[in-house]
Full PDB file with SEQRES, HELIX, SHEET, SSBOND, CRYST1, ORIGX, SCALE, CONECT and MASTER records, all heavy atoms in Angstrom:
SEQRES   1 A   42  HIS SER GLN TYR SER VAL VAL ASN GLY GLU GLN ASN GLU          
SEQRES   2 A   42  VAL SER ASN ILE GLU ILE GLY TYR ILE PRO ALA GLY PHE          
SEQRES   3 A   42  ASN LEU LEU ASN ASP TYR ASN GLY SER LEU ASP LYS ILE          
SEQRES   4 A   42  LEU HIS TYR                                                  
SHEET    1 AA1 2 ASN A  30  ASN A  33  0                                        
SHEET    2 AA1 2 LYS A  38  HIS A  41 -1                                        
CRYST1    1.000    1.000    1.000  90.00  90.00  90.00 P 1           1          
ORIGX1      1.000000  0.000000  0.000000        0.00000                         
ORIGX2      0.000000  1.000000  0.000000        0.00000                         
ORIGX3      0.000000  0.000000  1.000000        0.00000                         
SCALE1      1.000000  0.000000  0.000000        0.00000                         
SCALE2      0.000000  1.000000  0.000000        0.00000                         
SCALE3      0.000000  0.000000  1.000000        0.00000                         
ATOM      1  N   HIS A   1     -19.444  11.213-143.424  1.00  0.00           N  
ATOM      2  CA  HIS A   1     -20.036  10.135-142.670  1.00  0.00           C  
ATOM      3  C   HIS A   1     -20.228   8.912-143.531  1.00  0.00           C  
ATOM      4  O   HIS A   1     -19.835   8.917-144.706  1.00  0.00           O  
ATOM      5  CB  HIS A   1     -21.423  10.617-142.227  1.00  0.00           C  
ATOM      6  CG  HIS A   1     -22.450  10.825-143.310  1.00  0.00           C  
ATOM      7  ND1 HIS A   1     -22.492  11.854-144.070  1.00  0.00           N  
ATOM      8  CD2 HIS A   1     -23.425   9.945-143.774  1.00  0.00           C  
ATOM      9  CE1 HIS A   1     -23.442  11.780-144.990  1.00  0.00           C  
ATOM     10  NE2 HIS A   1     -24.060  10.588-144.877  1.00  0.00           N  
ATOM     11  N   SER A   2     -20.659   7.781-142.939  1.00  0.00           N  
ATOM     12  CA  SER A   2     -20.922   6.603-143.635  1.00  0.00           C  
ATOM     13  C   SER A   2     -22.394   6.139-143.408  1.00  0.00           C  
ATOM     14  O   SER A   2     -22.985   6.562-142.308  1.00  0.00           O  
ATOM     15  CB  SER A   2     -20.003   5.456-143.287  1.00  0.00           C  
ATOM     16  OG  SER A   2     -18.782   5.664-143.833  1.00  0.00           O  
ATOM     17  N   GLN A   3     -22.995   5.323-144.255  1.00  0.00           N  
ATOM     18  CA  GLN A   3     -24.338   4.916-144.052  1.00  0.00           C  
ATOM     19  C   GLN A   3     -24.492   3.332-144.168  1.00  0.00           C  
ATOM     20  O   GLN A   3     -24.084   2.795-145.206  1.00  0.00           O  
ATOM     21  CB  GLN A   3     -25.231   5.631-145.135  1.00  0.00           C  
ATOM     22  CG  GLN A   3     -26.718   5.242-144.969  1.00  0.00           C  
ATOM     23  CD  GLN A   3     -27.564   5.941-145.989  1.00  0.00           C  
ATOM     24  OE1 GLN A   3     -27.885   7.163-145.771  1.00  0.00           O  
ATOM     25  NE2 GLN A   3     -27.886   5.358-147.119  1.00  0.00           N  
ATOM     26  N   TYR A   4     -25.072   2.800-143.188  1.00  0.00           N  
ATOM     27  CA  TYR A   4     -25.255   1.317-143.211  1.00  0.00           C  
ATOM     28  C   TYR A   4     -26.712   1.009-143.608  1.00  0.00           C  
ATOM     29  O   TYR A   4     -27.637   1.579-143.078  1.00  0.00           O  
ATOM     30  CB  TYR A   4     -25.084   0.706-141.750  1.00  0.00           C  
ATOM     31  CG  TYR A   4     -25.295  -0.674-141.562  1.00  0.00           C  
ATOM     32  CD1 TYR A   4     -24.330  -1.586-141.493  1.00  0.00           C  
ATOM     33  CD2 TYR A   4     -26.644  -1.185-141.446  1.00  0.00           C  
ATOM     34  CE1 TYR A   4     -24.527  -2.894-141.299  1.00  0.00           C  
ATOM     35  CE2 TYR A   4     -26.909  -2.497-141.224  1.00  0.00           C  
ATOM     36  CZ  TYR A   4     -25.858  -3.366-141.136  1.00  0.00           C  
ATOM     37  OH  TYR A   4     -26.145  -4.749-140.968  1.00  0.00           O  
ATOM     38  N   SER A   5     -26.820   0.205-144.647  1.00  0.00           N  
ATOM     39  CA  SER A   5     -28.200  -0.207-145.110  1.00  0.00           C  
ATOM     40  C   SER A   5     -28.167  -1.681-145.553  1.00  0.00           C  
ATOM     41  O   SER A   5     -27.158  -2.191-146.044  1.00  0.00           O  
ATOM     42  CB  SER A   5     -28.690   0.728-146.263  1.00  0.00           C  
ATOM     43  OG  SER A   5     -27.718   0.719-147.362  1.00  0.00           O  
ATOM     44  N   VAL A   6     -29.308  -2.306-145.446  1.00  0.00           N  
ATOM     45  CA  VAL A   6     -29.493  -3.716-145.841  1.00  0.00           C  
ATOM     46  C   VAL A   6     -30.007  -3.744-147.315  1.00  0.00           C  
ATOM     47  O   VAL A   6     -30.853  -2.992-147.636  1.00  0.00           O  
ATOM     48  CB  VAL A   6     -30.476  -4.410-144.892  1.00  0.00           C  
ATOM     49  CG1 VAL A   6     -30.810  -5.816-145.391  1.00  0.00           C  
ATOM     50  CG2 VAL A   6     -29.884  -4.484-143.460  1.00  0.00           C  
ATOM     51  N   VAL A   7     -29.498  -4.676-148.045  1.00  0.00           N  
ATOM     52  CA  VAL A   7     -29.853  -4.859-149.466  1.00  0.00           C  
ATOM     53  C   VAL A   7     -31.193  -5.438-149.483  1.00  0.00           C  
ATOM     54  O   VAL A   7     -31.457  -6.508-148.936  1.00  0.00           O  
ATOM     55  CB  VAL A   7     -28.786  -5.741-150.107  1.00  0.00           C  
ATOM     56  CG1 VAL A   7     -29.227  -5.936-151.618  1.00  0.00           C  
ATOM     57  CG2 VAL A   7     -27.393  -5.137-150.107  1.00  0.00           C  
ATOM     58  N   ASN A   8     -32.091  -4.862-150.253  1.00  0.00           N  
ATOM     59  CA  ASN A   8     -33.455  -5.300-150.415  1.00  0.00           C  
ATOM     60  C   ASN A   8     -34.171  -5.596-149.124  1.00  0.00           C  
ATOM     61  O   ASN A   8     -34.796  -6.719-149.014  1.00  0.00           O  
ATOM     62  CB  ASN A   8     -33.457  -6.598-151.340  1.00  0.00           C  
ATOM     63  CG  ASN A   8     -32.938  -6.271-152.704  1.00  0.00           C  
ATOM     64  OD1 ASN A   8     -33.165  -5.223-153.288  1.00  0.00           O  
ATOM     65  ND2 ASN A   8     -32.181  -7.274-153.318  1.00  0.00           N  
ATOM     66  N   GLY A   9     -33.996  -4.789-148.155  1.00  0.00           N  
ATOM     67  CA  GLY A   9     -34.665  -5.000-146.831  1.00  0.00           C  
ATOM     68  C   GLY A   9     -36.160  -4.658-146.906  1.00  0.00           C  
ATOM     69  O   GLY A   9     -36.481  -3.740-147.510  1.00  0.00           O  
ATOM     70  N   GLU A  10     -36.889  -5.394-146.148  1.00  0.00           N  
ATOM     71  CA  GLU A  10     -38.371  -5.100-146.084  1.00  0.00           C  
ATOM     72  C   GLU A  10     -38.710  -4.404-144.782  1.00  0.00           C  
ATOM     73  O   GLU A  10     -37.810  -4.198-143.924  1.00  0.00           O  
ATOM     74  CB  GLU A  10     -39.161  -6.427-146.160  1.00  0.00           C  
ATOM     75  CG  GLU A  10     -39.027  -7.331-144.954  1.00  0.00           C  
ATOM     76  CD  GLU A  10     -37.837  -8.319-145.106  1.00  0.00           C  
ATOM     77  OE1 GLU A  10     -37.126  -8.191-146.038  1.00  0.00           O  
ATOM     78  OE2 GLU A  10     -37.709  -9.177-144.137  1.00  0.00           O  
ATOM     79  N   GLN A  11     -39.947  -3.984-144.702  1.00  0.00           N  
ATOM     80  CA  GLN A  11     -40.388  -3.178-143.549  1.00  0.00           C  
ATOM     81  C   GLN A  11     -41.411  -3.977-142.759  1.00  0.00           C  
ATOM     82  O   GLN A  11     -42.562  -4.135-143.206  1.00  0.00           O  
ATOM     83  CB  GLN A  11     -40.922  -1.863-143.986  1.00  0.00           C  
ATOM     84  CG  GLN A  11     -41.289  -0.874-142.878  1.00  0.00           C  
ATOM     85  CD  GLN A  11     -41.557   0.498-143.339  1.00  0.00           C  
ATOM     86  OE1 GLN A  11     -40.667   1.238-143.715  1.00  0.00           O  
ATOM     87  NE2 GLN A  11     -42.870   0.852-143.463  1.00  0.00           N  
ATOM     88  N   ASN A  12     -41.001  -4.474-141.604  1.00  0.00           N  
ATOM     89  CA  ASN A  12     -41.939  -5.190-140.720  1.00  0.00           C  
ATOM     90  C   ASN A  12     -42.114  -4.346-139.422  1.00  0.00           C  
ATOM     91  O   ASN A  12     -41.322  -3.536-139.087  1.00  0.00           O  
ATOM     92  CB  ASN A  12     -41.321  -6.563-140.284  1.00  0.00           C  
ATOM     93  CG  ASN A  12     -41.101  -7.455-141.522  1.00  0.00           C  
ATOM     94  OD1 ASN A  12     -42.014  -7.514-142.400  1.00  0.00           O  
ATOM     95  ND2 ASN A  12     -39.895  -7.982-141.640  1.00  0.00           N  
ATOM     96  N   GLU A  13     -43.206  -4.731-138.734  1.00  0.00           N  
ATOM     97  CA  GLU A  13     -43.483  -4.051-137.432  1.00  0.00           C  
ATOM     98  C   GLU A  13     -42.408  -4.512-136.429  1.00  0.00           C  
ATOM     99  O   GLU A  13     -42.121  -5.737-136.346  1.00  0.00           O  
ATOM    100  CB  GLU A  13     -44.823  -4.378-136.950  1.00  0.00           C  
ATOM    101  CG  GLU A  13     -45.228  -3.648-135.618  1.00  0.00           C  
ATOM    102  CD  GLU A  13     -46.729  -3.811-135.223  1.00  0.00           C  
ATOM    103  OE1 GLU A  13     -47.395  -4.427-136.032  1.00  0.00           O  
ATOM    104  OE2 GLU A  13     -47.035  -3.417-134.108  1.00  0.00           O  
ATOM    105  N   VAL A  14     -41.879  -3.538-135.728  1.00  0.00           N  
ATOM    106  CA  VAL A  14     -40.745  -3.833-134.858  1.00  0.00           C  
ATOM    107  C   VAL A  14     -41.245  -4.435-133.507  1.00  0.00           C  
ATOM    108  O   VAL A  14     -42.126  -3.875-132.914  1.00  0.00           O  
ATOM    109  CB  VAL A  14     -39.923  -2.579-134.594  1.00  0.00           C  
ATOM    110  CG1 VAL A  14     -38.710  -2.927-133.603  1.00  0.00           C  
ATOM    111  CG2 VAL A  14     -39.256  -2.169-135.928  1.00  0.00           C  
ATOM    112  N   SER A  15     -40.674  -5.565-133.079  1.00  0.00           N  
ATOM    113  CA  SER A  15     -41.033  -6.156-131.877  1.00  0.00           C  
ATOM    114  C   SER A  15     -40.134  -5.621-130.702  1.00  0.00           C  
ATOM    115  O   SER A  15     -39.258  -4.841-130.948  1.00  0.00           O  
ATOM    116  CB  SER A  15     -40.909  -7.693-131.920  1.00  0.00           C  
ATOM    117  OG  SER A  15     -39.591  -8.047-132.335  1.00  0.00           O  
ATOM    118  N   ASN A  16     -40.380  -6.111-129.473  1.00  0.00           N  
ATOM    119  CA  ASN A  16     -39.655  -5.556-128.345  1.00  0.00           C  
ATOM    120  C   ASN A  16     -38.217  -5.964-128.440  1.00  0.00           C  
ATOM    121  O   ASN A  16     -37.834  -7.038-129.087  1.00  0.00           O  
ATOM    122  CB  ASN A  16     -40.281  -6.074-127.007  1.00  0.00           C  
ATOM    123  CG  ASN A  16     -41.629  -5.447-126.748  1.00  0.00           C  
ATOM    124  OD1 ASN A  16     -41.836  -4.345-127.149  1.00  0.00           O  
ATOM    125  ND2 ASN A  16     -42.463  -6.220-126.146  1.00  0.00           N  
ATOM    126  N   ILE A  17     -37.300  -5.280-127.788  1.00  0.00           N  
ATOM    127  CA  ILE A  17     -35.916  -5.637-127.683  1.00  0.00           C  
ATOM    128  C   ILE A  17     -35.592  -6.511-126.488  1.00  0.00           C  
ATOM    129  O   ILE A  17     -35.950  -6.126-125.378  1.00  0.00           O  
ATOM    130  CB  ILE A  17     -35.030  -4.308-127.632  1.00  0.00           C  
ATOM    131  CG1 ILE A  17     -35.374  -3.332-128.729  1.00  0.00           C  
ATOM    132  CG2 ILE A  17     -33.510  -4.688-127.602  1.00  0.00           C  
ATOM    133  CD1 ILE A  17     -34.646  -2.039-128.665  1.00  0.00           C  
ATOM    134  N   GLU A  18     -35.111  -7.720-126.742  1.00  0.00           N  
ATOM    135  CA  GLU A  18     -34.818  -8.655-125.687  1.00  0.00           C  
ATOM    136  C   GLU A  18     -33.279  -8.586-125.303  1.00  0.00           C  
ATOM    137  O   GLU A  18     -32.497  -8.987-126.105  1.00  0.00           O  
ATOM    138  CB  GLU A  18     -35.192 -10.067-126.094  1.00  0.00           C  
ATOM    139  CG  GLU A  18     -36.678 -10.187-126.452  1.00  0.00           C  
ATOM    140  CD  GLU A  18     -37.642  -9.993-125.336  1.00  0.00           C  
ATOM    141  OE1 GLU A  18     -37.106 -10.203-124.162  1.00  0.00           O  
ATOM    142  OE2 GLU A  18     -38.778  -9.644-125.583  1.00  0.00           O  
ATOM    143  N   ILE A  19     -32.923  -8.054-124.150  1.00  0.00           N  
ATOM    144  CA  ILE A  19     -31.508  -7.886-123.795  1.00  0.00           C  
ATOM    145  C   ILE A  19     -31.176  -8.793-122.645  1.00  0.00           C  
ATOM    146  O   ILE A  19     -31.913  -8.818-121.586  1.00  0.00           O  
ATOM    147  CB  ILE A  19     -31.311  -6.368-123.363  1.00  0.00           C  
ATOM    148  CG1 ILE A  19     -31.854  -5.382-124.415  1.00  0.00           C  
ATOM    149  CG2 ILE A  19     -29.829  -6.143-123.132  1.00  0.00           C  
ATOM    150  CD1 ILE A  19     -31.861  -3.996-123.857  1.00  0.00           C  
ATOM    151  N   GLY A  20     -30.122  -9.511-122.825  1.00  0.00           N  
ATOM    152  CA  GLY A  20     -29.720 -10.530-121.809  1.00  0.00           C  
ATOM    153  C   GLY A  20     -28.639  -9.930-120.889  1.00  0.00           C  
ATOM    154  O   GLY A  20     -28.424 -10.515-119.755  1.00  0.00           O  
ATOM    155  N   TYR A  21     -28.028  -8.842-121.263  1.00  0.00           N  
ATOM    156  CA  TYR A  21     -26.988  -8.283-120.330  1.00  0.00           C  
ATOM    157  C   TYR A  21     -27.024  -6.796-120.260  1.00  0.00           C  
ATOM    158  O   TYR A  21     -27.032  -6.109-121.285  1.00  0.00           O  
ATOM    159  CB  TYR A  21     -25.640  -8.699-120.857  1.00  0.00           C  
ATOM    160  CG  TYR A  21     -24.421  -8.003-120.140  1.00  0.00           C  
ATOM    161  CD1 TYR A  21     -24.107  -8.409-118.772  1.00  0.00           C  
ATOM    162  CD2 TYR A  21     -23.700  -7.003-120.722  1.00  0.00           C  
ATOM    163  CE1 TYR A  21     -23.100  -7.721-118.205  1.00  0.00           C  
ATOM    164  CE2 TYR A  21     -22.716  -6.322-120.133  1.00  0.00           C  
ATOM    165  CZ  TYR A  21     -22.321  -6.747-118.776  1.00  0.00           C  
ATOM    166  OH  TYR A  21     -21.347  -6.059-118.175  1.00  0.00           O  
ATOM    167  N   ILE A  22     -27.163  -6.235-119.043  1.00  0.00           N  
ATOM    168  CA  ILE A  22     -27.103  -4.790-118.755  1.00  0.00           C  
ATOM    169  C   ILE A  22     -25.901  -4.559-117.809  1.00  0.00           C  
ATOM    170  O   ILE A  22     -25.983  -5.129-116.687  1.00  0.00           O  
ATOM    171  CB  ILE A  22     -28.350  -4.220-118.260  1.00  0.00           C  
ATOM    172  CG1 ILE A  22     -29.528  -4.503-119.183  1.00  0.00           C  
ATOM    173  CG2 ILE A  22     -28.226  -2.758-117.909  1.00  0.00           C  
ATOM    174  CD1 ILE A  22     -29.443  -3.691-120.484  1.00  0.00           C  
ATOM    175  N   PRO A  23     -24.991  -3.738-118.047  1.00  0.00           N  
ATOM    176  CA  PRO A  23     -23.847  -3.542-117.112  1.00  0.00           C  
ATOM    177  C   PRO A  23     -24.379  -2.931-115.797  1.00  0.00           C  
ATOM    178  O   PRO A  23     -25.409  -2.273-115.722  1.00  0.00           O  
ATOM    179  CB  PRO A  23     -22.960  -2.486-117.833  1.00  0.00           C  
ATOM    180  CG  PRO A  23     -23.363  -2.614-119.317  1.00  0.00           C  
ATOM    181  CD  PRO A  23     -24.752  -3.006-119.361  1.00  0.00           C  
ATOM    182  N   ALA A  24     -23.646  -3.301-114.676  1.00  0.00           N  
ATOM    183  CA  ALA A  24     -24.099  -2.816-113.326  1.00  0.00           C  
ATOM    184  C   ALA A  24     -24.112  -1.346-113.257  1.00  0.00           C  
ATOM    185  O   ALA A  24     -23.252  -0.622-113.776  1.00  0.00           O  
ATOM    186  CB  ALA A  24     -23.045  -3.411-112.329  1.00  0.00           C  
ATOM    187  N   GLY A  25     -25.111  -0.882-112.566  1.00  0.00           N  
ATOM    188  CA  GLY A  25     -25.252   0.632-112.307  1.00  0.00           C  
ATOM    189  C   GLY A  25     -26.162   1.334-113.361  1.00  0.00           C  
ATOM    190  O   GLY A  25     -26.407   2.527-113.187  1.00  0.00           O  
ATOM    191  N   PHE A  26     -26.426   0.675-114.488  1.00  0.00           N  
ATOM    192  CA  PHE A  26     -27.290   1.295-115.524  1.00  0.00           C  
ATOM    193  C   PHE A  26     -28.764   1.111-115.236  1.00  0.00           C  
ATOM    194  O   PHE A  26     -29.134  -0.004-114.940  1.00  0.00           O  
ATOM    195  CB  PHE A  26     -26.917   0.740-116.930  1.00  0.00           C  
ATOM    196  CG  PHE A  26     -25.582   1.359-117.390  1.00  0.00           C  
ATOM    197  CD1 PHE A  26     -24.360   0.774-117.135  1.00  0.00           C  
ATOM    198  CD2 PHE A  26     -25.673   2.506-118.269  1.00  0.00           C  
ATOM    199  CE1 PHE A  26     -23.226   1.319-117.678  1.00  0.00           C  
ATOM    200  CE2 PHE A  26     -24.456   2.961-118.844  1.00  0.00           C  
ATOM    201  CZ  PHE A  26     -23.272   2.430-118.428  1.00  0.00           C  
ATOM    202  N   ASN A  27     -29.478   2.159-115.418  1.00  0.00           N  
ATOM    203  CA  ASN A  27     -30.940   2.161-115.214  1.00  0.00           C  
ATOM    204  C   ASN A  27     -31.625   2.661-116.492  1.00  0.00           C  
ATOM    205  O   ASN A  27     -31.115   3.566-117.173  1.00  0.00           O  
ATOM    206  CB  ASN A  27     -31.399   3.013-114.061  1.00  0.00           C  
ATOM    207  CG  ASN A  27     -30.854   2.482-112.737  1.00  0.00           C  
ATOM    208  OD1 ASN A  27     -31.073   1.332-112.431  1.00  0.00           O  
ATOM    209  ND2 ASN A  27     -30.125   3.385-111.999  1.00  0.00           N  
ATOM    210  N   LEU A  28     -32.780   2.046-116.895  1.00  0.00           N  
ATOM    211  CA  LEU A  28     -33.452   2.453-118.022  1.00  0.00           C  
ATOM    212  C   LEU A  28     -34.242   3.770-117.750  1.00  0.00           C  
ATOM    213  O   LEU A  28     -35.087   3.867-116.840  1.00  0.00           O  
ATOM    214  CB  LEU A  28     -34.539   1.359-118.413  1.00  0.00           C  
ATOM    215  CG  LEU A  28     -35.406   1.674-119.589  1.00  0.00           C  
ATOM    216  CD1 LEU A  28     -34.650   1.855-120.887  1.00  0.00           C  
ATOM    217  CD2 LEU A  28     -36.468   0.562-119.755  1.00  0.00           C  
ATOM    218  N   LEU A  29     -33.903   4.876-118.478  1.00  0.00           N  
ATOM    219  CA  LEU A  29     -34.547   6.145-118.205  1.00  0.00           C  
ATOM    220  C   LEU A  29     -35.623   6.504-119.247  1.00  0.00           C  
ATOM    221  O   LEU A  29     -36.670   7.058-118.949  1.00  0.00           O  
ATOM    222  CB  LEU A  29     -33.436   7.270-118.319  1.00  0.00           C  
ATOM    223  CG  LEU A  29     -32.396   7.266-117.267  1.00  0.00           C  
ATOM    224  CD1 LEU A  29     -31.518   8.452-117.397  1.00  0.00           C  
ATOM    225  CD2 LEU A  29     -33.021   7.185-115.862  1.00  0.00           C  
ATOM    226  N   ASN A  30     -35.426   6.077-120.475  1.00  0.00           N  
ATOM    227  CA  ASN A  30     -36.396   6.341-121.541  1.00  0.00           C  
ATOM    228  C   ASN A  30     -36.642   5.094-122.320  1.00  0.00           C  
ATOM    229  O   ASN A  30     -35.754   4.344-122.674  1.00  0.00           O  
ATOM    230  CB  ASN A  30     -35.956   7.457-122.442  1.00  0.00           C  
ATOM    231  CG  ASN A  30     -35.904   8.830-121.784  1.00  0.00           C  
ATOM    232  OD1 ASN A  30     -36.831   9.226-121.137  1.00  0.00           O  
ATOM    233  ND2 ASN A  30     -34.677   9.410-121.734  1.00  0.00           N  
ATOM    234  N   ASP A  31     -37.912   4.910-122.789  1.00  0.00           N  
ATOM    235  CA  ASP A  31     -38.248   3.717-123.489  1.00  0.00           C  
ATOM    236  C   ASP A  31     -39.250   4.136-124.620  1.00  0.00           C  
ATOM    237  O   ASP A  31     -40.409   4.387-124.298  1.00  0.00           O  
ATOM    238  CB  ASP A  31     -38.895   2.669-122.590  1.00  0.00           C  
ATOM    239  CG  ASP A  31     -39.288   1.421-123.364  1.00  0.00           C  
ATOM    240  OD1 ASP A  31     -39.049   1.336-124.574  1.00  0.00           O  
ATOM    241  OD2 ASP A  31     -39.779   0.481-122.730  1.00  0.00           O  
ATOM    242  N   TYR A  32     -38.700   4.279-125.770  1.00  0.00           N  
ATOM    243  CA  TYR A  32     -39.635   4.719-126.951  1.00  0.00           C  
ATOM    244  C   TYR A  32     -40.025   3.515-127.758  1.00  0.00           C  
ATOM    245  O   TYR A  32     -39.154   2.677-128.186  1.00  0.00           O  
ATOM    246  CB  TYR A  32     -38.848   5.682-127.895  1.00  0.00           C  
ATOM    247  CG  TYR A  32     -39.627   5.946-129.185  1.00  0.00           C  
ATOM    248  CD1 TYR A  32     -40.710   6.798-129.142  1.00  0.00           C  
ATOM    249  CD2 TYR A  32     -39.300   5.286-130.396  1.00  0.00           C  
ATOM    250  CE1 TYR A  32     -41.442   7.089-130.328  1.00  0.00           C  
ATOM    251  CE2 TYR A  32     -40.012   5.635-131.483  1.00  0.00           C  
ATOM    252  CZ  TYR A  32     -41.089   6.454-131.506  1.00  0.00           C  
ATOM    253  OH  TYR A  32     -41.843   6.680-132.607  1.00  0.00           O  
ATOM    254  N   ASN A  33     -41.404   3.333-127.880  1.00  0.00           N  
ATOM    255  CA  ASN A  33     -41.903   2.158-128.657  1.00  0.00           C  
ATOM    256  C   ASN A  33     -42.791   2.644-129.853  1.00  0.00           C  
ATOM    257  O   ASN A  33     -43.903   3.121-129.643  1.00  0.00           O  
ATOM    258  CB  ASN A  33     -42.672   1.268-127.752  1.00  0.00           C  
ATOM    259  CG  ASN A  33     -41.880   0.531-126.808  1.00  0.00           C  
ATOM    260  OD1 ASN A  33     -41.183  -0.442-127.148  1.00  0.00           O  
ATOM    261  ND2 ASN A  33     -41.950   0.973-125.492  1.00  0.00           N  
ATOM    262  N   GLY A  34     -42.121   2.570-131.032  1.00  0.00           N  
ATOM    263  CA  GLY A  34     -42.971   2.901-132.185  1.00  0.00           C  
ATOM    264  C   GLY A  34     -43.143   1.613-133.081  1.00  0.00           C  
ATOM    265  O   GLY A  34     -42.621   0.542-132.723  1.00  0.00           O  
ATOM    266  N   SER A  35     -43.957   1.703-134.059  1.00  0.00           N  
ATOM    267  CA  SER A  35     -44.213   0.540-134.916  1.00  0.00           C  
ATOM    268  C   SER A  35     -43.103   0.220-135.840  1.00  0.00           C  
ATOM    269  O   SER A  35     -42.897  -0.936-136.177  1.00  0.00           O  
ATOM    270  CB  SER A  35     -45.481   0.821-135.756  1.00  0.00           C  
ATOM    271  OG  SER A  35     -45.289   1.900-136.605  1.00  0.00           O  
ATOM    272  N   LEU A  36     -42.235   1.191-136.124  1.00  0.00           N  
ATOM    273  CA  LEU A  36     -41.067   1.000-137.030  1.00  0.00           C  
ATOM    274  C   LEU A  36     -39.718   1.061-136.332  1.00  0.00           C  
ATOM    275  O   LEU A  36     -38.768   0.726-136.989  1.00  0.00           O  
ATOM    276  CB  LEU A  36     -41.178   2.076-138.186  1.00  0.00           C  
ATOM    277  CG  LEU A  36     -42.401   1.990-139.053  1.00  0.00           C  
ATOM    278  CD1 LEU A  36     -42.343   3.014-140.189  1.00  0.00           C  
ATOM    279  CD2 LEU A  36     -42.563   0.614-139.692  1.00  0.00           C  
ATOM    280  N   ASP A  37     -39.730   1.510-135.097  1.00  0.00           N  
ATOM    281  CA  ASP A  37     -38.441   1.580-134.314  1.00  0.00           C  
ATOM    282  C   ASP A  37     -38.691   1.603-132.899  1.00  0.00           C  
ATOM    283  O   ASP A  37     -39.707   2.145-132.469  1.00  0.00           O  
ATOM    284  CB  ASP A  37     -37.514   2.674-134.838  1.00  0.00           C  
ATOM    285  CG  ASP A  37     -38.178   4.111-134.556  1.00  0.00           C  
ATOM    286  OD1 ASP A  37     -39.435   4.159-134.420  1.00  0.00           O  
ATOM    287  OD2 ASP A  37     -37.433   5.079-134.479  1.00  0.00           O  
ATOM    288  N   LYS A  38     -37.788   1.044-132.158  1.00  0.00           N  
ATOM    289  CA  LYS A  38     -37.795   1.073-130.641  1.00  0.00           C  
ATOM    290  C   LYS A  38     -36.442   1.499-130.198  1.00  0.00           C  
ATOM    291  O   LYS A  38     -35.371   1.100-130.701  1.00  0.00           O  
ATOM    292  CB  LYS A  38     -38.204  -0.299-130.120  1.00  0.00           C  
ATOM    293  CG  LYS A  38     -39.592  -0.788-130.485  1.00  0.00           C  
ATOM    294  CD  LYS A  38     -40.000  -2.090-129.826  1.00  0.00           C  
ATOM    295  CE  LYS A  38     -41.390  -2.492-130.373  1.00  0.00           C  
ATOM    296  NZ  LYS A  38     -42.511  -1.593-130.040  1.00  0.00           N  
ATOM    297  N   ILE A  39     -36.450   2.386-129.155  1.00  0.00           N  
ATOM    298  CA  ILE A  39     -35.133   2.891-128.599  1.00  0.00           C  
ATOM    299  C   ILE A  39     -35.219   2.855-127.114  1.00  0.00           C  
ATOM    300  O   ILE A  39     -36.218   3.249-126.432  1.00  0.00           O  
ATOM    301  CB  ILE A  39     -34.934   4.333-129.056  1.00  0.00           C  
ATOM    302  CG1 ILE A  39     -34.934   4.487-130.589  1.00  0.00           C  
ATOM    303  CG2 ILE A  39     -33.613   4.910-128.491  1.00  0.00           C  
ATOM    304  CD1 ILE A  39     -34.938   5.917-131.044  1.00  0.00           C  
ATOM    305  N   LEU A  40     -34.169   2.287-126.486  1.00  0.00           N  
ATOM    306  CA  LEU A  40     -33.962   2.214-125.054  1.00  0.00           C  
ATOM    307  C   LEU A  40     -32.806   3.072-124.631  1.00  0.00           C  
ATOM    308  O   LEU A  40     -31.754   2.976-125.258  1.00  0.00           O  
ATOM    309  CB  LEU A  40     -33.771   0.750-124.554  1.00  0.00           C  
ATOM    310  CG  LEU A  40     -34.899  -0.229-124.985  1.00  0.00           C  
ATOM    311  CD1 LEU A  40     -34.469  -1.618-124.452  1.00  0.00           C  
ATOM    312  CD2 LEU A  40     -36.195   0.123-124.409  1.00  0.00           C  
ATOM    313  N   HIS A  41     -32.957   3.927-123.643  1.00  0.00           N  
ATOM    314  CA  HIS A  41     -31.806   4.784-123.132  1.00  0.00           C  
ATOM    315  C   HIS A  41     -31.497   4.423-121.719  1.00  0.00           C  
ATOM    316  O   HIS A  41     -32.346   4.514-120.844  1.00  0.00           O  
ATOM    317  CB  HIS A  41     -32.290   6.288-123.219  1.00  0.00           C  
ATOM    318  CG  HIS A  41     -31.245   7.156-122.722  1.00  0.00           C  
ATOM    319  ND1 HIS A  41     -30.027   7.387-123.383  1.00  0.00           N  
ATOM    320  CD2 HIS A  41     -31.219   8.025-121.612  1.00  0.00           C  
ATOM    321  CE1 HIS A  41     -29.321   8.308-122.681  1.00  0.00           C  
ATOM    322  NE2 HIS A  41     -30.073   8.687-121.648  1.00  0.00           N  
ATOM    323  N   TYR A  42     -30.263   3.975-121.516  1.00  0.00           N  
ATOM    324  CA  TYR A  42     -29.805   3.625-120.179  1.00  0.00           C  
ATOM    325  C   TYR A  42     -28.758   4.662-119.648  1.00  0.00           C  
ATOM    326  O   TYR A  42     -27.994   5.191-120.507  1.00  0.00           O  
ATOM    327  CB  TYR A  42     -29.169   2.224-120.163  1.00  0.00           C  
ATOM    328  CG  TYR A  42     -30.156   1.105-120.416  1.00  0.00           C  
ATOM    329  CD1 TYR A  42     -30.603   0.692-121.623  1.00  0.00           C  
ATOM    330  CD2 TYR A  42     -30.672   0.444-119.201  1.00  0.00           C  
ATOM    331  CE1 TYR A  42     -31.477  -0.269-121.760  1.00  0.00           C  
ATOM    332  CE2 TYR A  42     -31.575  -0.564-119.348  1.00  0.00           C  
ATOM    333  CZ  TYR A  42     -31.967  -0.925-120.677  1.00  0.00           C  
ATOM    334  OH  TYR A  42     -32.938  -1.918-120.764  1.00  0.00           O  
TER     335      TYR A  42                                                      
MASTER        0    0    0    0    2    0    0    6  334    1    0    4          
END                                                                             
């Protein structure tokens, strides 16, 4: 496998995900909101 990481990255509280385009027919089924990560499942 490979691993993507940012050099000298800091840790900030994660804000909401602003999405401008969702393909037709997709619906949001799960929405996880944590302070360090957010995940949307369509």
